[in-house]
Amino acid sequence: MAAPEPAPRRGREREREEESEDESDILEESPCGRWQKRREQVNQGNMPGVQSTFLAMDTEEGVEVVWNELRFSDRKAFSAHEEKIQTMFEQLVLVDHPNIVKLHKYWLDACEARARSTCPRAASSSSSRRPRRTTRP
């Protein structure tokens, strides 16, 4: 009689499935590779000019951040005002005030006429909705 084969490792398979699900949730990555936009959209209220807001992961700090996207309907107008837009974002990055959300980083995509920015995710009163910290990969 042949010896019975060992049972498959269910824990390992489950870990691989969770890892692949996490990877599939990443929709886009910042040019520097630090921030990874995820599939989950969040409601940031009525922020002028912001069309889309997603959760993202700061891979250096291991915390959730908010990924904002501003889309411009006219690429020519975006190109004409790109310098002004860049100056505005540079000034916003420098703002450091306890009552104003800190803008971490921004980048412009002239091909798609979009501006993207990241800022910390605001904690809510519920402990379950506070920014999550994860271990670094």
N, C-alpha and C. Protein backbone atom coordinates (compact mmCIF):
# COMPACT_ATOMS: atom_id res chain seq x y z
N MET A 1 0.82 -1.19 0.00
CA MET A 1 0.00 0.00 0.00
C MET A 1 0.86 1.25 0.00
N ALA A 2 0.43 2.22 -0.76
CA ALA A 2 1.18 3.48 -0.83
C ALA A 2 0.81 4.36 0.35
N ALA A 3 1.76 5.14 0.77
CA ALA A 3 1.52 6.06 1.89
C ALA A 3 0.56 7.16 1.44
N PRO A 4 -0.35 7.59 2.31
CA PRO A 4 -1.29 8.66 1.92
C PRO A 4 -0.54 9.97 1.68
N GLU A 5 -1.04 10.70 0.68
CA GLU A 5 -0.42 11.99 0.36
C GLU A 5 -0.82 13.02 1.40
N PRO A 6 0.10 13.94 1.74
CA PRO A 6 -0.27 14.97 2.72
C PRO A 6 -1.36 15.87 2.17
N ALA A 7 -2.20 16.33 3.07
CA ALA A 7 -3.30 17.22 2.69
C ALA A 7 -2.74 18.54 2.17
N PRO A 8 -3.40 19.15 1.18
CA PRO A 8 -2.91 20.44 0.66
C PRO A 8 -2.95 21.51 1.73
N ARG A 9 -2.08 22.45 1.60
CA ARG A 9 -1.99 23.55 2.56
C ARG A 9 -3.03 24.61 2.23
N ARG A 10 -4.13 24.58 2.93
CA ARG A 10 -5.21 25.54 2.68
C ARG A 10 -4.82 26.96 3.08
N GLY A 11 -4.07 27.10 4.16
CA GLY A 11 -3.68 28.42 4.63
C GLY A 11 -2.87 29.17 3.60
N ARG A 12 -1.91 28.49 2.98
CA ARG A 12 -1.07 29.10 1.95
C ARG A 12 -1.89 29.53 0.74
N GLU A 13 -2.81 28.65 0.32
CA GLU A 13 -3.65 28.98 -0.83
C GLU A 13 -4.51 30.20 -0.53
N ARG A 14 -5.06 30.26 0.67
CA ARG A 14 -5.89 31.38 1.06
C ARG A 14 -5.07 32.68 1.05
N GLU A 15 -3.82 32.61 1.55
CA GLU A 15 -2.95 33.79 1.55
C GLU A 15 -2.69 34.26 0.13
N ARG A 16 -2.42 33.33 -0.79
CA ARG A 16 -2.17 33.70 -2.19
C ARG A 16 -3.39 34.35 -2.81
N GLU A 17 -4.58 33.79 -2.52
CA GLU A 17 -5.82 34.37 -3.05
C GLU A 17 -6.02 35.78 -2.53
N GLU A 18 -5.77 36.00 -1.23
CA GLU A 18 -5.93 37.33 -0.65
C GLU A 18 -4.93 38.30 -1.28
N GLU A 19 -3.69 37.85 -1.50
CA GLU A 19 -2.68 38.71 -2.12
C GLU A 19 -3.10 39.08 -3.53
N SER A 20 -3.61 38.10 -4.31
CA SER A 20 -4.01 38.40 -5.68
C SER A 20 -5.23 39.33 -5.70
N GLU A 21 -6.14 39.19 -4.71
CA GLU A 21 -7.27 40.11 -4.63
C GLU A 21 -6.80 41.51 -4.32
N ASP A 22 -5.82 41.64 -3.40
CA ASP A 22 -5.29 42.95 -3.06
C ASP A 22 -4.65 43.59 -4.28
N GLU A 23 -3.89 42.81 -5.05
CA GLU A 23 -3.22 43.34 -6.24
C GLU A 23 -4.24 43.77 -7.28
N SER A 24 -5.35 43.02 -7.41
CA SER A 24 -6.35 43.37 -8.41
C SER A 24 -7.11 44.62 -8.00
N ASP A 25 -7.11 44.96 -6.72
CA ASP A 25 -7.78 46.17 -6.27
C ASP A 25 -7.00 47.42 -6.63
N ILE A 26 -5.74 47.30 -6.99
CA ILE A 26 -4.92 48.45 -7.36
C ILE A 26 -5.24 48.83 -8.81
N LEU A 27 -5.80 50.02 -8.97
CA LEU A 27 -6.18 50.50 -10.29
C LEU A 27 -5.08 51.27 -10.99
N GLU A 28 -4.29 51.98 -10.19
CA GLU A 28 -3.29 52.88 -10.76
C GLU A 28 -2.23 53.16 -9.70
N GLU A 29 -1.06 53.53 -10.16
CA GLU A 29 0.03 53.85 -9.25
C GLU A 29 0.58 55.23 -9.61
N SER A 30 1.02 55.96 -8.61
CA SER A 30 1.60 57.28 -8.86
C SER A 30 2.90 57.12 -9.64
N PRO A 31 3.34 58.15 -10.35
CA PRO A 31 4.58 58.05 -11.13
C PRO A 31 5.80 57.66 -10.29
N CYS A 32 5.82 58.07 -9.03
CA CYS A 32 6.95 57.73 -8.17
C CYS A 32 6.80 56.34 -7.54
N GLY A 33 5.62 55.73 -7.67
CA GLY A 33 5.38 54.40 -7.15
C GLY A 33 4.99 54.36 -5.68
N ARG A 34 4.91 55.50 -5.03
CA ARG A 34 4.61 55.52 -3.60
C ARG A 34 3.15 55.27 -3.30
N TRP A 35 2.24 55.82 -4.09
CA TRP A 35 0.81 55.71 -3.82
C TRP A 35 0.15 54.78 -4.83
N GLN A 36 -0.75 53.95 -4.32
CA GLN A 36 -1.48 53.00 -5.16
C GLN A 36 -2.97 53.23 -5.00
N LYS A 37 -3.60 53.65 -6.08
CA LYS A 37 -5.05 53.92 -6.08
C LYS A 37 -5.79 52.59 -6.06
N ARG A 38 -6.78 52.51 -5.18
CA ARG A 38 -7.59 51.29 -5.06
C ARG A 38 -8.97 51.51 -5.65
N ARG A 39 -9.71 50.45 -5.76
CA ARG A 39 -11.03 50.46 -6.39
C ARG A 39 -12.08 51.20 -5.56
N GLU A 40 -11.92 51.28 -4.26
CA GLU A 40 -12.93 51.83 -3.36
C GLU A 40 -13.01 53.35 -3.45
N GLN A 41 -14.17 53.86 -3.89
CA GLN A 41 -14.38 55.30 -3.95
C GLN A 41 -14.89 55.78 -2.60
N VAL A 42 -14.55 57.02 -2.24
CA VAL A 42 -15.01 57.61 -1.00
C VAL A 42 -15.70 58.92 -1.30
N ASN A 43 -16.57 59.32 -0.40
CA ASN A 43 -17.30 60.58 -0.54
C ASN A 43 -16.58 61.63 0.30
N GLN A 44 -16.03 62.62 -0.33
CA GLN A 44 -15.32 63.69 0.36
C GLN A 44 -16.16 64.96 0.45
N GLY A 45 -17.46 64.80 0.28
CA GLY A 45 -18.31 65.99 0.33
C GLY A 45 -18.28 66.71 -1.00
N ASN A 46 -18.55 67.95 -0.98
CA ASN A 46 -18.62 68.74 -2.20
C ASN A 46 -17.34 69.56 -2.35
N MET A 47 -16.30 68.93 -2.83
CA MET A 47 -15.03 69.63 -3.05
C MET A 47 -15.03 70.17 -4.47
N PRO A 48 -14.92 71.48 -4.64
CA PRO A 48 -14.97 72.06 -5.98
C PRO A 48 -13.85 71.53 -6.86
N GLY A 49 -14.23 71.11 -8.07
CA GLY A 49 -13.25 70.67 -9.05
C GLY A 49 -12.85 69.22 -8.96
N VAL A 50 -13.12 68.56 -7.84
CA VAL A 50 -12.72 67.17 -7.68
C VAL A 50 -13.84 66.28 -8.21
N GLN A 51 -13.55 65.52 -9.27
CA GLN A 51 -14.57 64.65 -9.84
C GLN A 51 -14.57 63.26 -9.22
N SER A 52 -13.39 62.75 -8.85
CA SER A 52 -13.29 61.39 -8.32
C SER A 52 -12.39 61.36 -7.11
N THR A 53 -12.80 60.60 -6.10
CA THR A 53 -12.00 60.45 -4.89
C THR A 53 -11.97 58.97 -4.54
N PHE A 54 -10.77 58.44 -4.41
CA PHE A 54 -10.57 57.02 -4.13
C PHE A 54 -9.70 56.85 -2.90
N LEU A 55 -9.80 55.68 -2.28
CA LEU A 55 -8.83 55.32 -1.26
C LEU A 55 -7.56 54.87 -1.97
N ALA A 56 -6.45 55.15 -1.35
CA ALA A 56 -5.16 54.72 -1.89
C ALA A 56 -4.27 54.31 -0.73
N MET A 57 -3.20 53.65 -1.03
CA MET A 57 -2.27 53.21 0.00
C MET A 57 -0.94 53.92 -0.21
N ASP A 58 -0.43 54.48 0.88
CA ASP A 58 0.92 55.05 0.89
C ASP A 58 1.85 53.89 1.22
N THR A 59 2.59 53.42 0.24
CA THR A 59 3.42 52.23 0.44
C THR A 59 4.64 52.50 1.30
N GLU A 60 5.04 53.75 1.46
CA GLU A 60 6.18 54.07 2.33
C GLU A 60 5.78 54.13 3.79
N GLU A 61 4.64 54.77 4.08
CA GLU A 61 4.18 54.93 5.46
C GLU A 61 3.24 53.81 5.90
N GLY A 62 2.66 53.09 4.94
CA GLY A 62 1.76 52.01 5.28
C GLY A 62 0.41 52.48 5.78
N VAL A 63 -0.06 53.64 5.33
CA VAL A 63 -1.36 54.17 5.76
C VAL A 63 -2.22 54.46 4.53
N GLU A 64 -3.53 54.49 4.77
CA GLU A 64 -4.45 54.86 3.71
C GLU A 64 -4.41 56.38 3.50
N VAL A 65 -4.54 56.78 2.27
CA VAL A 65 -4.64 58.19 1.91
C VAL A 65 -5.82 58.33 0.95
N VAL A 66 -6.15 59.56 0.64
CA VAL A 66 -7.21 59.82 -0.33
C VAL A 66 -6.56 60.28 -1.63
N TRP A 67 -6.99 59.70 -2.72
CA TRP A 67 -6.48 59.99 -4.06
C TRP A 67 -7.56 60.80 -4.77
N ASN A 68 -7.30 62.07 -5.03
CA ASN A 68 -8.26 62.96 -5.70
C ASN A 68 -7.88 63.09 -7.17
N GLU A 69 -8.89 63.16 -8.02
CA GLU A 69 -8.65 63.36 -9.45
C GLU A 69 -9.47 64.54 -9.94
N LEU A 70 -8.82 65.42 -10.63
CA LEU A 70 -9.47 66.55 -11.27
C LEU A 70 -9.32 66.35 -12.77
N ARG A 71 -10.41 66.32 -13.47
CA ARG A 71 -10.38 66.12 -14.92
C ARG A 71 -10.77 67.43 -15.60
N PHE A 72 -10.06 67.72 -16.67
CA PHE A 72 -10.35 68.92 -17.45
C PHE A 72 -10.92 68.47 -18.78
N SER A 73 -12.04 69.04 -19.18
CA SER A 73 -12.72 68.59 -20.40
C SER A 73 -11.98 68.99 -21.66
N ASP A 74 -11.22 70.05 -21.60
CA ASP A 74 -10.53 70.54 -22.80
C ASP A 74 -9.02 70.44 -22.61
N ARG A 75 -8.38 69.57 -23.38
CA ARG A 75 -6.93 69.38 -23.26
C ARG A 75 -6.15 70.65 -23.63
N LYS A 76 -6.66 71.38 -24.61
CA LYS A 76 -5.96 72.61 -25.00
C LYS A 76 -5.99 73.64 -23.87
N ALA A 77 -7.14 73.75 -23.22
CA ALA A 77 -7.25 74.69 -22.09
C ALA A 77 -6.35 74.22 -20.95
N PHE A 78 -6.30 72.91 -20.72
CA PHE A 78 -5.43 72.37 -19.68
C PHE A 78 -3.98 72.72 -19.98
N SER A 79 -3.57 72.51 -21.21
CA SER A 79 -2.18 72.81 -21.60
C SER A 79 -1.88 74.30 -21.46
N ALA A 80 -2.85 75.14 -21.82
CA ALA A 80 -2.65 76.58 -21.73
C ALA A 80 -2.51 77.04 -20.28
N HIS A 81 -3.16 76.36 -19.35
CA HIS A 81 -3.15 76.75 -17.94
C HIS A 81 -2.31 75.83 -17.07
N GLU A 82 -1.57 74.92 -17.69
CA GLU A 82 -0.81 73.93 -16.93
C GLU A 82 0.17 74.57 -15.94
N GLU A 83 0.82 75.64 -16.34
CA GLU A 83 1.78 76.31 -15.46
C GLU A 83 1.07 76.90 -14.24
N LYS A 84 -0.09 77.52 -14.46
CA LYS A 84 -0.86 78.09 -13.34
C LYS A 84 -1.35 76.99 -12.41
N ILE A 85 -1.80 75.88 -12.98
CA ILE A 85 -2.28 74.76 -12.17
C ILE A 85 -1.14 74.21 -11.33
N GLN A 86 0.01 74.06 -11.94
CA GLN A 86 1.18 73.54 -11.22
C GLN A 86 1.57 74.48 -10.08
N THR A 87 1.57 75.79 -10.31
CA THR A 87 1.90 76.77 -9.27
C THR A 87 0.90 76.68 -8.12
N MET A 88 -0.38 76.53 -8.45
CA MET A 88 -1.40 76.42 -7.41
C MET A 88 -1.16 75.19 -6.54
N PHE A 89 -0.89 74.05 -7.16
CA PHE A 89 -0.64 72.83 -6.38
C PHE A 89 0.64 72.95 -5.56
N GLU A 90 1.67 73.57 -6.09
CA GLU A 90 2.91 73.75 -5.33
C GLU A 90 2.66 74.58 -4.07
N GLN A 91 1.81 75.59 -4.19
CA GLN A 91 1.47 76.40 -3.03
C GLN A 91 0.62 75.62 -2.02
N LEU A 92 -0.28 74.79 -2.51
CA LEU A 92 -1.11 73.98 -1.62
C LEU A 92 -0.28 72.95 -0.84
N VAL A 93 0.75 72.42 -1.47
CA VAL A 93 1.62 71.46 -0.78
C VAL A 93 2.34 72.13 0.39
N LEU A 94 2.63 73.42 0.27
CA LEU A 94 3.35 74.14 1.32
C LEU A 94 2.47 74.53 2.51
N VAL A 95 1.15 74.53 2.33
CA VAL A 95 0.24 74.92 3.41
C VAL A 95 0.34 73.91 4.55
N ASP A 96 0.58 74.43 5.75
CA ASP A 96 0.66 73.58 6.94
C ASP A 96 -0.13 74.23 8.06
N HIS A 97 -1.38 73.81 8.21
CA HIS A 97 -2.26 74.39 9.21
C HIS A 97 -3.12 73.28 9.80
N PRO A 98 -3.36 73.29 11.11
CA PRO A 98 -4.12 72.19 11.73
C PRO A 98 -5.57 72.06 11.25
N ASN A 99 -6.14 73.13 10.70
CA ASN A 99 -7.53 73.09 10.25
C ASN A 99 -7.67 72.88 8.74
N ILE A 100 -6.56 72.63 8.07
CA ILE A 100 -6.58 72.42 6.62
C ILE A 100 -5.93 71.08 6.32
N VAL A 101 -6.60 70.29 5.48
CA VAL A 101 -6.06 68.98 5.11
C VAL A 101 -4.75 69.16 4.36
N LYS A 102 -3.74 68.42 4.76
CA LYS A 102 -2.42 68.51 4.17
C LYS A 102 -2.39 67.78 2.82
N LEU A 103 -1.97 68.46 1.80
CA LEU A 103 -1.78 67.87 0.48
C LEU A 103 -0.37 67.29 0.44
N HIS A 104 -0.26 65.98 0.27
CA HIS A 104 1.06 65.33 0.26
C HIS A 104 1.81 65.59 -1.04
N LYS A 105 1.17 65.22 -2.12
CA LYS A 105 1.85 65.23 -3.41
C LYS A 105 0.82 65.42 -4.50
N TYR A 106 1.26 65.93 -5.63
CA TYR A 106 0.38 66.06 -6.79
C TYR A 106 1.19 65.71 -8.03
N TRP A 107 0.51 65.38 -9.09
CA TRP A 107 1.16 65.20 -10.38
C TRP A 107 0.13 65.48 -11.47
N LEU A 108 0.63 65.95 -12.59
CA LEU A 108 -0.23 66.33 -13.71
C LEU A 108 -0.02 65.34 -14.84
N ASP A 109 -1.09 65.05 -15.55
CA ASP A 109 -1.04 64.16 -16.70
C ASP A 109 -1.60 64.93 -17.89
N ALA A 110 -0.72 65.51 -18.68
CA ALA A 110 -1.15 66.34 -19.80
C ALA A 110 -1.84 65.50 -20.88
N CYS A 111 -1.46 64.25 -21.04
CA CYS A 111 -2.08 63.39 -22.06
C CYS A 111 -3.57 63.18 -21.79
N GLU A 112 -3.91 63.00 -20.54
CA GLU A 112 -5.31 62.76 -20.18
C GLU A 112 -5.99 64.01 -19.62
N ALA A 113 -5.28 65.13 -19.58
CA ALA A 113 -5.80 66.38 -19.02
C ALA A 113 -6.35 66.16 -17.62
N ARG A 114 -5.52 65.58 -16.76
CA ARG A 114 -5.92 65.30 -15.38
C ARG A 114 -4.84 65.77 -14.41
N ALA A 115 -5.32 66.18 -13.25
CA ALA A 115 -4.42 66.46 -12.13
C ALA A 115 -4.80 65.49 -11.04
N ARG A 116 -3.81 64.93 -10.37
CA ARG A 116 -4.06 63.98 -9.29
C ARG A 116 -3.32 64.44 -8.06
N SER A 117 -3.90 64.18 -6.88
CA SER A 117 -3.26 64.57 -5.64
C SER A 117 -3.56 63.54 -4.57
N THR A 118 -2.71 63.49 -3.55
CA THR A 118 -2.96 62.62 -2.41
C THR A 118 -2.93 63.46 -1.15
N CYS A 119 -3.77 63.08 -0.20
CA CYS A 119 -3.80 63.73 1.10
C CYS A 119 -4.18 62.69 2.13
N PRO A 120 -3.91 62.95 3.42
CA PRO A 120 -4.23 61.94 4.44
C PRO A 120 -5.72 61.68 4.50
N ARG A 121 -6.07 60.50 4.87
CA ARG A 121 -7.47 60.16 5.04
C ARG A 121 -7.91 60.65 6.41
N ALA A 122 -8.96 61.45 6.45
CA ALA A 122 -9.44 62.01 7.72
C ALA A 122 -10.08 60.92 8.56
N ALA A 123 -9.78 60.93 9.84
CA ALA A 123 -10.38 59.95 10.76
C ALA A 123 -11.79 60.38 11.10
N SER A 124 -12.69 59.43 11.19
CA SER A 124 -14.06 59.74 11.60
C SER A 124 -14.22 59.37 13.07
N SER A 125 -15.40 59.61 13.60
CA SER A 125 -15.63 59.32 15.01
C SER A 125 -15.67 57.83 15.29
N SER A 126 -15.98 57.05 14.28
CA SER A 126 -16.04 55.61 14.45
C SER A 126 -14.64 55.02 14.35
N SER A 127 -14.28 54.19 15.31
CA SER A 127 -12.94 53.61 15.30
C SER A 127 -12.74 52.69 14.11
N SER A 128 -13.84 52.14 13.56
CA SER A 128 -13.70 51.25 12.42
C SER A 128 -13.37 52.01 11.14
N ARG A 129 -13.60 53.30 11.09
CA ARG A 129 -13.33 54.08 9.88
C ARG A 129 -12.08 54.93 9.99
N ARG A 130 -11.30 54.71 11.01
CA ARG A 130 -10.05 55.46 11.12
C ARG A 130 -9.07 54.97 10.08
N PRO A 131 -8.10 55.79 9.70
CA PRO A 131 -7.12 55.36 8.71
C PRO A 131 -6.44 54.07 9.17
N ARG A 132 -6.34 53.13 8.27
CA ARG A 132 -5.71 51.86 8.61
C ARG A 132 -4.23 51.94 8.35
N ARG A 133 -3.46 51.37 9.26
CA ARG A 133 -2.02 51.25 9.10
C ARG A 133 -1.74 49.78 8.82
N THR A 134 -0.93 49.55 7.82
CA THR A 134 -0.57 48.19 7.48
C THR A 134 0.93 48.04 7.55
N THR A 135 1.37 46.82 7.50
CA THR A 135 2.81 46.60 7.49
C THR A 135 3.33 46.88 6.09
N ARG A 136 4.54 47.32 6.02
CA ARG A 136 5.14 47.60 4.72
C ARG A 136 5.51 46.30 4.05
N PRO A 137 5.36 46.23 2.72
CA PRO A 137 5.69 44.98 2.02
C PRO A 137 7.17 44.70 2.05
